[in-house]
Amino acid sequence: MKKILLLGSGELGKEFVIAAKRAGQYVVACDRYANAPAMQVADECEVFNMLDGEALASVVEKHRPDIIVPEIEAIRTERLFDFEKQGIQVVPSARAVNFTMNRKAIRDLAAKELGLKTAKYFYAKTLDELKEHSREIGFPCVIKPLMSSSGHGQSVVKSADELEAAFNAAMEGSRGDVKEIIIEEFIRFDSEFTLLTVTQKNGPTLFCPPIGHVQKGGDYRESWQPFAISGHDLKEAQRMAEAVTTALTGAGIWGVEFFLSHDKGVVFSELSPRPHDTGMVTLGHTLNLNEFELHFRAVMGLPIPAVHLEHAGASAVVLAKEEAGHEPEYNMADVLSEDYTRLRIFGKQEQHVGRRMGVVLCYGDVDADTTPLRDKAKRLAATVIK
């Protein structure tokens, strides 16, 4: 049995804990607030600010874990190198977490060192720098904090008049103490997709069938698997995903995001060194192993014989409708009355408008058209919160 310290205890962390507990492991779930979703299924929990390096070190010293699994961005990531030197396994690696928690590091690695196709971009620390770079990028453009999550602080800017508001939003939406933003060329993409990529300790890199997704304000709203893509474009995405995950090192699952554009082809967008929110569609029996089971096996160095599609599926998130210090009243009857359908309630104790509270999963035959599945998932998701 291994002791796992989970840094971040949201809905993705909860599913990872379930996978670990089914295999008899011991998990300590950490987050900045009590009774977070993963804490509800873990062996122990700790509540503290993970951006406080001393508090983080104290928790590591207290529990002496075998493995540290970061699940969020707001962590004092440089301390992970110290833990790694102490012989603690960091997932996928301290290097990977430090690079990917900061858009500047990962974008420079992808574009400048590996030569991957990305949107044109610049960095800015001041409004004047942003205005200067906007003249080179042009409009529309995309402005994001260098460190953020769930789309916080992201804006699509259509004219120079909107720059100041976007700059302020990006600074306010920054996680941690990184106060710098990235301005990107707006890619006129036809679609966007996630390629879940599994790196192993003692095996080849594996790729899940691609997942199509729709985001709103940078936050996932629906996803479906498989995503229709040509063999040429899929090979190019796999090539880029393997290049960047190999450079970052370590074992685990990675959510590698791409744009698919008619004139530019496959364009690298972002990378997460952990299960991806769009990958929640795999909880609906789309694969022989869902993304959390794949992550767990890779982290533990356990065999993964293959990854293959078993069903076509779709997911749609259940969103809170109000601000409230309690859970909503859930209506599960409409969803559960439908066949080939699953509902996952995350167990979040407070509501904020637009906060993800659950997900509806619909699936069908392996070669089924995903469009009706998507429509069904979205229709049912709208009925869950009264």
Protein backbone atom coordinates (compact mmCIF):
# COMPACT_ATOMS: atom_id res chain seq x y z
CA MET A 1 0.00 0.00 0.00
CA LYS A 2 1.19 3.51 -0.89
CA LYS A 3 0.29 6.74 0.90
CA ILE A 4 -0.81 9.38 -1.61
CA LEU A 5 -0.99 13.10 -0.81
CA LEU A 6 -3.52 14.75 -3.13
CA LEU A 7 -3.04 18.50 -3.58
CA GLY A 8 -6.43 19.77 -4.68
CA SER A 9 -9.68 18.00 -3.86
CA GLY A 10 -12.22 18.97 -6.49
CA GLU A 11 -14.31 16.67 -8.68
CA LEU A 12 -11.34 15.39 -10.67
CA GLY A 13 -9.44 14.63 -7.50
CA LYS A 14 -12.49 12.81 -6.13
CA GLU A 15 -12.56 10.39 -9.04
CA PHE A 16 -8.82 9.78 -8.70
CA VAL A 17 -9.27 8.98 -5.01
CA ILE A 18 -12.01 6.50 -5.88
CA ALA A 19 -9.68 4.78 -8.35
CA ALA A 20 -6.91 4.66 -5.72
CA LYS A 21 -9.19 3.39 -2.95
CA ARG A 22 -10.53 0.62 -5.17
CA ALA A 23 -6.93 -0.55 -5.40
CA GLY A 24 -6.40 -0.42 -1.63
CA GLN A 25 -4.25 2.73 -1.38
CA TYR A 26 -4.26 5.33 1.44
CA VAL A 27 -5.09 8.89 0.40
CA VAL A 28 -4.79 12.22 2.21
CA ALA A 29 -6.84 14.88 0.39
CA CYS A 30 -5.84 18.55 0.71
CA ASP A 31 -7.54 21.79 -0.27
CA ARG A 32 -8.07 25.34 0.94
CA TYR A 33 -11.61 24.60 2.17
CA ALA A 34 -13.17 21.84 4.24
CA ASN A 35 -15.32 18.99 2.91
CA ALA A 36 -14.15 19.43 -0.68
CA PRO A 37 -15.34 16.62 -2.99
CA ALA A 38 -12.22 14.41 -2.78
CA MET A 39 -12.14 14.74 1.01
CA GLN A 40 -15.49 12.98 1.15
CA VAL A 41 -13.94 9.72 -0.09
CA ALA A 42 -10.34 9.98 1.20
CA ASP A 43 -8.83 8.45 4.36
CA GLU A 44 -7.70 11.79 5.82
CA CYS A 45 -7.85 15.44 4.86
CA GLU A 46 -5.94 18.65 5.44
CA VAL A 47 -7.26 22.19 4.99
CA PHE A 48 -4.62 24.85 4.26
CA ASN A 49 -3.40 27.33 1.67
CA MET A 50 -1.17 25.35 -0.68
CA LEU A 51 0.46 28.57 -1.88
CA ASP A 52 2.01 28.78 1.59
CA GLY A 53 5.27 26.89 1.13
CA GLU A 54 5.87 26.38 4.84
CA ALA A 55 2.36 25.03 5.38
CA LEU A 56 2.82 22.67 2.44
CA ALA A 57 6.15 21.42 3.78
CA SER A 58 4.60 20.92 7.20
CA VAL A 59 1.83 18.74 5.79
CA VAL A 60 4.33 16.68 3.80
CA GLU A 61 6.47 16.21 6.92
CA LYS A 62 3.41 15.22 8.96
CA HIS A 63 2.12 12.56 6.56
CA ARG A 64 5.37 11.46 4.87
CA PRO A 65 3.65 10.35 1.66
CA ASP A 66 5.12 8.03 -0.93
CA ILE A 67 3.48 9.95 -3.76
CA ILE A 68 2.34 13.57 -4.20
CA VAL A 69 -0.39 14.12 -6.80
CA PRO A 70 -1.05 17.80 -7.66
CA GLU A 71 -4.56 18.38 -8.99
CA ILE A 72 -4.77 22.20 -9.10
CA GLU A 73 -2.63 25.16 -10.14
CA ALA A 74 -2.57 27.10 -6.86
CA ILE A 75 0.39 25.29 -5.27
CA ARG A 76 3.84 26.49 -4.23
CA THR A 77 5.18 24.31 -7.03
CA GLU A 78 8.88 25.03 -6.54
CA ARG A 79 8.71 23.13 -3.24
CA LEU A 80 7.94 19.99 -5.22
CA PHE A 81 11.60 19.81 -6.27
CA ASP A 82 12.57 19.59 -2.60
CA PHE A 83 10.09 16.78 -2.00
CA GLU A 84 11.36 14.93 -5.05
CA LYS A 85 14.91 15.15 -3.73
CA GLN A 86 13.66 13.58 -0.50
CA GLY A 87 12.63 10.50 -2.49
CA ILE A 88 8.92 11.33 -2.79
CA GLN A 89 7.40 10.64 -6.21
CA VAL A 90 5.79 13.80 -7.66
CA VAL A 91 3.18 13.24 -10.37
CA PRO A 92 4.03 13.35 -13.17
CA SER A 93 7.25 15.08 -12.05
CA ALA A 94 8.25 18.31 -10.29
CA ARG A 95 9.56 19.60 -13.62
CA ALA A 96 6.27 18.91 -15.38
CA VAL A 97 4.13 20.55 -12.69
CA ASN A 98 6.31 23.65 -12.54
CA PHE A 99 6.23 24.09 -16.31
CA THR A 100 2.55 23.46 -16.85
CA MET A 101 1.23 25.49 -13.94
CA ASN A 102 2.61 28.57 -15.73
CA ARG A 103 1.51 29.40 -19.28
CA LYS A 104 4.78 31.23 -19.97
CA ALA A 105 6.96 28.21 -19.29
CA ILE A 106 4.85 25.73 -21.20
CA ARG A 107 4.25 28.01 -24.19
CA ASP A 108 7.96 28.80 -24.54
CA LEU A 109 8.81 25.11 -24.27
CA ALA A 110 6.26 24.16 -26.92
CA ALA A 111 6.89 26.98 -29.39
CA LYS A 112 10.55 27.90 -28.94
CA GLU A 113 12.25 24.69 -27.81
CA LEU A 114 10.12 22.00 -29.46
CA GLY A 115 8.96 24.00 -32.47
CA LEU A 116 5.30 23.06 -32.11
CA LYS A 117 2.68 25.05 -33.98
CA THR A 118 1.03 27.53 -31.58
CA ALA A 119 -0.82 30.83 -31.76
CA LYS A 120 1.42 33.89 -32.01
CA TYR A 121 1.88 35.32 -28.51
CA PHE A 122 3.55 37.91 -26.28
CA TYR A 123 3.74 38.56 -22.54
CA ALA A 124 2.87 41.76 -20.70
CA LYS A 125 3.22 43.01 -17.13
CA THR A 126 1.74 46.46 -17.74
CA LEU A 127 -1.17 47.89 -19.69
CA ASP A 128 1.25 49.82 -21.89
CA GLU A 129 3.07 46.61 -22.81
CA LEU A 130 -0.25 44.98 -23.59
CA LYS A 131 -1.27 47.85 -25.88
CA GLU A 132 2.05 47.67 -27.70
CA HIS A 133 1.80 43.92 -28.28
CA SER A 134 -1.84 44.18 -29.37
CA ARG A 135 -0.69 46.25 -32.34
CA GLU A 136 1.51 43.33 -33.43
CA ILE A 137 -1.09 40.63 -32.70
CA GLY A 138 -4.11 42.49 -34.06
CA PHE A 139 -7.78 42.01 -33.20
CA PRO A 140 -9.54 39.94 -32.11
CA CYS A 141 -7.01 38.57 -29.64
CA VAL A 142 -7.10 36.45 -26.48
CA ILE A 143 -5.83 37.69 -23.11
CA LYS A 144 -5.18 35.30 -20.19
CA PRO A 145 -3.37 35.32 -16.86
CA LEU A 146 -0.14 33.32 -16.91
CA MET A 147 -1.46 31.27 -14.00
CA SER A 148 -5.17 30.56 -13.63
CA SER A 149 -7.74 27.78 -13.78
CA SER A 150 -11.26 27.16 -15.08
CA GLY A 151 -11.06 30.11 -17.45
CA HIS A 152 -10.69 32.74 -14.72
CA GLY A 153 -9.46 36.05 -16.10
CA GLN A 154 -9.64 35.07 -19.78
CA SER A 155 -11.07 37.44 -22.39
CA VAL A 156 -11.51 37.65 -26.14
CA VAL A 157 -10.76 41.28 -27.03
CA LYS A 158 -12.24 42.69 -30.22
CA SER A 159 -10.88 46.24 -30.13
CA ALA A 160 -8.34 48.47 -28.39
CA ASP A 161 -11.14 49.97 -26.29
CA GLU A 162 -11.52 46.64 -24.47
CA LEU A 163 -7.85 46.18 -23.56
CA GLU A 164 -7.89 47.89 -20.17
CA ALA A 165 -10.86 45.90 -18.89
CA ALA A 166 -9.29 42.65 -20.16
CA PHE A 167 -5.95 43.53 -18.55
CA ASN A 168 -7.62 44.16 -15.19
CA ALA A 169 -9.67 40.96 -15.46
CA ALA A 170 -6.53 38.93 -16.22
CA MET A 171 -4.64 40.40 -13.28
CA GLU A 172 -7.58 39.83 -10.93
CA GLY A 173 -8.02 36.28 -12.23
CA SER A 174 -4.38 35.33 -11.66
CA ARG A 175 -3.68 32.47 -9.27
CA GLY A 176 -0.69 32.70 -6.96
CA ASP A 177 1.80 35.54 -7.12
CA VAL A 178 2.45 35.54 -10.88
CA LYS A 179 1.24 38.95 -12.08
CA GLU A 180 1.85 38.75 -15.80
CA ILE A 181 -0.44 38.02 -18.71
CA ILE A 182 -0.24 36.45 -22.15
CA ILE A 183 -1.78 37.97 -25.28
CA GLU A 184 -2.42 35.52 -28.08
CA GLU A 185 -3.43 35.59 -31.69
CA PHE A 186 -7.08 34.56 -32.01
CA ILE A 187 -7.11 31.26 -33.89
CA ARG A 188 -10.19 31.01 -36.08
CA PHE A 189 -10.62 27.34 -35.37
CA ASP A 190 -13.28 24.99 -36.66
CA SER A 191 -13.19 22.95 -33.47
CA GLU A 192 -11.05 22.16 -30.44
CA PHE A 193 -10.23 18.84 -28.88
CA THR A 194 -8.36 17.13 -26.07
CA LEU A 195 -5.93 14.27 -26.59
CA LEU A 196 -5.58 12.38 -23.32
CA THR A 197 -2.00 11.11 -23.33
CA VAL A 198 -0.66 8.49 -20.93
CA THR A 199 3.06 8.33 -20.15
CA GLN A 200 4.27 5.24 -18.35
CA LYS A 201 7.22 4.29 -16.19
CA ASN A 202 7.84 1.05 -18.04
CA GLY A 203 5.82 1.21 -21.21
CA PRO A 204 5.09 3.20 -24.34
CA THR A 205 3.15 6.45 -24.47
CA LEU A 206 -0.54 5.71 -25.07
CA PHE A 207 -3.22 7.92 -26.60
CA CYS A 208 -6.94 7.86 -25.88
CA PRO A 209 -9.36 8.49 -28.76
CA PRO A 210 -9.66 12.28 -29.13
CA ILE A 211 -12.33 14.17 -27.21
CA GLY A 212 -14.24 17.07 -28.72
CA HIS A 213 -15.28 19.83 -26.35
CA VAL A 214 -17.01 23.16 -26.05
CA GLN A 215 -15.79 25.81 -23.62
CA LYS A 216 -17.43 28.99 -22.42
CA GLY A 217 -15.17 31.67 -20.95
CA GLY A 218 -12.34 29.15 -20.98
CA ASP A 219 -14.31 26.63 -18.89
CA TYR A 220 -15.56 23.25 -20.11
CA ARG A 221 -19.29 22.89 -20.72
CA GLU A 222 -19.61 19.71 -22.78
CA SER A 223 -17.40 17.02 -24.29
CA TRP A 224 -17.81 13.98 -26.49
CA GLN A 225 -15.77 10.97 -27.53
CA PRO A 226 -14.76 10.08 -30.16
CA PHE A 227 -14.09 13.38 -31.90
CA ALA A 228 -14.08 13.10 -35.70
CA ILE A 229 -10.62 13.89 -37.07
CA SER A 230 -8.61 12.80 -40.09
CA GLY A 231 -5.87 10.22 -39.68
CA HIS A 232 -3.26 12.80 -40.73
CA ASP A 233 -4.38 15.36 -38.16
CA LEU A 234 -4.58 12.73 -35.42
CA LYS A 235 -1.02 11.60 -36.09
CA GLU A 236 0.16 15.21 -35.95
CA ALA A 237 -1.60 15.77 -32.61
CA GLN A 238 -0.09 12.56 -31.24
CA ARG A 239 3.37 13.61 -32.43
CA MET A 240 3.09 16.96 -30.65
CA ALA A 241 1.61 15.44 -27.49
CA GLU A 242 4.40 12.87 -27.26
CA ALA A 243 7.07 15.52 -27.86
CA VAL A 244 5.90 17.84 -25.09
CA THR A 245 5.14 15.12 -22.51
CA THR A 246 8.52 13.50 -23.13
CA ALA A 247 10.25 16.86 -22.61
CA LEU A 248 8.39 17.42 -19.35
CA THR A 249 9.10 13.88 -18.04
CA GLY A 250 7.16 11.68 -15.63
CA ALA A 251 4.34 9.16 -15.53
CA GLY A 252 0.63 9.92 -15.54
CA ILE A 253 -2.19 11.15 -17.75
CA TRP A 254 -2.00 14.52 -19.51
CA GLY A 255 -4.78 16.58 -21.02
CA VAL A 256 -3.27 18.04 -24.20
CA GLU A 257 -5.52 20.59 -25.88
CA PHE A 258 -5.49 21.49 -29.58
CA PHE A 259 -7.28 23.74 -32.02
CA LEU A 260 -8.24 22.34 -35.40
CA SER A 261 -8.25 25.03 -38.05
CA HIS A 262 -9.09 24.76 -41.74
CA ASP A 263 -6.11 26.89 -42.77
CA LYS A 264 -3.62 26.14 -39.97
CA GLY A 265 -4.31 22.47 -39.28
CA VAL A 266 -3.63 21.17 -35.76
CA VAL A 267 -2.42 23.90 -33.38
CA PHE A 268 -1.13 23.20 -29.86
CA SER A 269 -3.09 25.15 -27.23
CA GLU A 270 -2.48 24.08 -23.62
CA LEU A 271 -1.46 21.17 -21.45
CA SER A 272 -2.52 19.85 -18.04
CA PRO A 273 -0.34 17.25 -16.25
CA ARG A 274 -3.31 15.45 -14.73
CA PRO A 275 -6.82 14.21 -15.58
CA HIS A 276 -8.67 16.76 -17.68
CA ASP A 277 -12.17 18.08 -17.08
CA THR A 278 -13.22 17.28 -20.66
CA GLY A 279 -12.12 13.71 -19.94
CA MET A 280 -15.02 13.26 -17.53
CA VAL A 281 -16.82 11.86 -20.58
CA THR A 282 -14.77 8.69 -19.98
CA LEU A 283 -16.82 8.10 -16.80
CA GLY A 284 -19.63 7.20 -19.20
CA HIS A 285 -18.07 3.89 -20.27
CA THR A 286 -16.48 5.26 -23.43
CA LEU A 287 -13.15 3.52 -22.72
CA ASN A 288 -12.06 0.21 -21.23
CA LEU A 289 -10.41 2.31 -18.45
CA ASN A 290 -11.60 5.82 -17.56
CA GLU A 291 -9.05 8.63 -17.38
CA PHE A 292 -8.76 8.40 -13.58
CA GLU A 293 -8.05 4.67 -13.68
CA LEU A 294 -5.46 5.30 -16.38
CA HIS A 295 -3.86 8.04 -14.29
CA PHE A 296 -3.75 5.80 -11.23
CA ARG A 297 -2.17 2.90 -13.10
CA ALA A 298 0.45 5.14 -14.70
CA VAL A 299 1.28 6.79 -11.36
CA MET A 300 1.69 3.40 -9.66
CA GLY A 301 3.69 1.89 -12.51
CA LEU A 302 1.00 -0.73 -13.11
CA PRO A 303 0.49 -2.29 -16.56
CA ILE A 304 -1.91 -0.74 -19.07
CA PRO A 305 -2.32 -3.34 -21.82
CA ALA A 306 -4.18 -0.99 -24.18
CA VAL A 307 -6.63 1.87 -24.37
CA HIS A 308 -9.59 1.34 -26.65
CA LEU A 309 -13.01 2.78 -27.35
CA GLU A 310 -15.96 0.74 -26.06
CA HIS A 311 -18.82 3.24 -26.49
CA ALA A 312 -19.45 6.61 -28.05
CA GLY A 313 -20.35 9.09 -25.34
CA ALA A 314 -21.07 12.67 -24.37
CA SER A 315 -20.97 14.73 -21.18
CA ALA A 316 -22.64 17.98 -20.15
CA VAL A 317 -22.02 19.86 -16.92
CA VAL A 318 -24.63 20.71 -14.32
CA LEU A 319 -24.25 24.38 -13.38
CA ALA A 320 -25.31 26.21 -10.23
CA LYS A 321 -27.90 28.93 -10.83
CA GLU A 322 -27.44 31.11 -7.74
CA GLU A 323 -25.12 32.22 -4.97
CA ALA A 324 -25.84 30.16 -1.87
CA GLY A 325 -23.95 28.73 1.10
CA HIS A 326 -25.54 25.32 0.70
CA GLU A 327 -26.03 22.59 -1.87
CA PRO A 328 -28.87 22.97 -4.37
CA GLU A 329 -31.92 20.76 -4.37
CA TYR A 330 -31.17 18.12 -6.97
CA ASN A 331 -33.68 16.51 -9.30
CA MET A 332 -32.21 13.15 -10.29
CA ALA A 333 -35.40 11.53 -11.56
CA ASP A 334 -35.34 12.91 -15.12
CA VAL A 335 -31.76 11.78 -15.75
CA LEU A 336 -32.13 8.40 -14.08
CA SER A 337 -35.29 7.60 -16.04
CA GLU A 338 -33.21 7.48 -19.24
CA ASP A 339 -31.29 4.37 -20.30
CA TYR A 340 -27.56 4.53 -21.15
CA THR A 341 -27.26 7.58 -18.93
CA ARG A 342 -25.31 8.35 -15.76
CA LEU A 343 -25.31 11.26 -13.31
CA ARG A 344 -22.39 12.25 -11.11
CA ILE A 345 -23.01 14.80 -8.33
CA PHE A 346 -19.73 16.30 -7.12
CA GLY A 347 -20.79 17.06 -3.54
CA LYS A 348 -19.81 20.74 -3.47
CA GLN A 349 -21.25 22.40 -0.39
CA GLU A 350 -21.66 25.94 -1.79
CA GLN A 351 -23.14 27.34 -4.96
CA HIS A 352 -21.78 30.10 -7.17
CA VAL A 353 -23.44 31.09 -10.44
CA GLY A 354 -21.95 28.93 -13.18
CA ARG A 355 -20.07 26.62 -10.78
CA ARG A 356 -19.86 23.00 -11.88
CA MET A 357 -21.95 20.90 -9.49
CA GLY A 358 -22.20 17.67 -11.45
CA VAL A 359 -22.07 16.07 -14.87
CA VAL A 360 -24.50 14.07 -17.01
CA LEU A 361 -23.04 11.24 -19.10
CA CYS A 362 -24.78 9.60 -22.05
CA TYR A 363 -23.40 6.77 -24.16
CA GLY A 364 -24.33 4.45 -27.01
CA ASP A 365 -22.89 1.99 -29.50
CA VAL A 366 -19.22 2.44 -30.33
CA ASP A 367 -20.04 3.77 -33.81
CA ALA A 368 -23.05 5.87 -32.75
CA ASP A 369 -23.44 9.45 -33.92
CA THR A 370 -22.33 11.66 -31.02
CA THR A 371 -24.64 14.57 -31.98
CA PRO A 372 -27.83 13.01 -30.49
CA LEU A 373 -25.81 11.96 -27.42
CA ARG A 374 -24.62 15.55 -26.96
CA ASP A 375 -28.16 16.90 -27.31
CA LYS A 376 -29.46 14.35 -24.81
CA ALA A 377 -26.72 15.12 -22.25
CA LYS A 378 -27.31 18.88 -22.46
CA ARG A 379 -31.09 18.49 -22.23
CA LEU A 380 -30.85 16.32 -19.13
CA ALA A 381 -28.16 18.42 -17.47
CA ALA A 382 -30.53 21.39 -17.56
CA THR A 383 -33.06 19.45 -15.42
CA VAL A 384 -30.80 18.45 -12.52
CA ILE A 385 -30.93 21.66 -10.46
CA LYS A 386 -34.44 22.92 -9.82
